[in-house]
Amino acid sequence: MTSELKNEECQRPDASKMGESRATDGMKNDELGAAGVPKKSMIRVLFLVATPKLARKAITLFQEKHIPILHEFRAQGTASEGIIDWLGLDGVDKAVVMTILPVEIANGMLRKLYKKLQLGAPNSGVAFTIRLSGASNRMIKLSETLQENADSRAGERSDMEMAESEYRMIAAIVNQGYSDEVMDAARPAGARGGTVFHSRRVGSEEAKRFWGINVQQEREIVLILAEKSKKKEIMCAIGEKCGLKSEAQGVVLSLPVDGVVGLD
């Protein structure tokens, strides 16, 4: 993962230097990861970023499928007032729903969310999945149970596969109050928008002394879905303006997105 992107690093074509996590890291052929997930993981984390009203509808859809693990939290969009008016949005308040599912159920839920919530339309949202490279044994067993239940219901499975998307999720973790600076740097590099979460740093004094930095406790996390071809430029732009040596004291990383709907 890349904490700060220097100019020479931004010029390298090697994507691994840019902090892109790979689900196969640390695993040889036909081996299992430390937490028991196969190399080609069959478990996904599904995220929905939408208006609070649509998030409530999505939770109902998940509950109808008897999906046991759901997390909902609030965030803010980064669109300017002009963009909000142009797109016909109610505002920048967002809700994020997160769950963990077997890949086939996750793909099916992406299609259902796209259809039922009309994702991609003005004032809607986006849903995407990220591949897991590890999970607890209990989580694996729960995922297997969900898949077995889905297999037993005739007609609910789809042969349609969700191809790996050409998008990446970029995360910038900065001091509180610097999310606007992150987006000011990211937009000229190709970012269309982002979602901001508030968080609190948890760390030891020994770690701060080791790294030689004193980071604010209150932090902001900016998530940006971007085309794979624009990932490097966006990360470099954020790193140059909001890196560790700046007042934002930012950390920038990226993750591959497995499937996405709502960015039409």
Foldseek 3Di string as FASTA:
>chain_A
DFQFADPVNLPDPDCVSFFADDLQPPHDPPDADPQGADNQGQKKKKKWKAAPVLVVVLVVVCVVLVQPDKDKDKWFKDDDPVVCVVLVAPHGIIMMMIGMEGNQVSVLSQVVSCVPQVFQHRRTTKMFIAGHNHDHPVVVVSRVVSVVVQVVDPPSTDPDHFAFDQKKKKKKKWAPPCVNVLVVQQVVLPFPIWIKDKAFDDDDPVVCVVVVHDGHGIMMMIITIGGNVSVSSSSNSNSVRQGCVHNGNMGMHMYGIGHMPRND
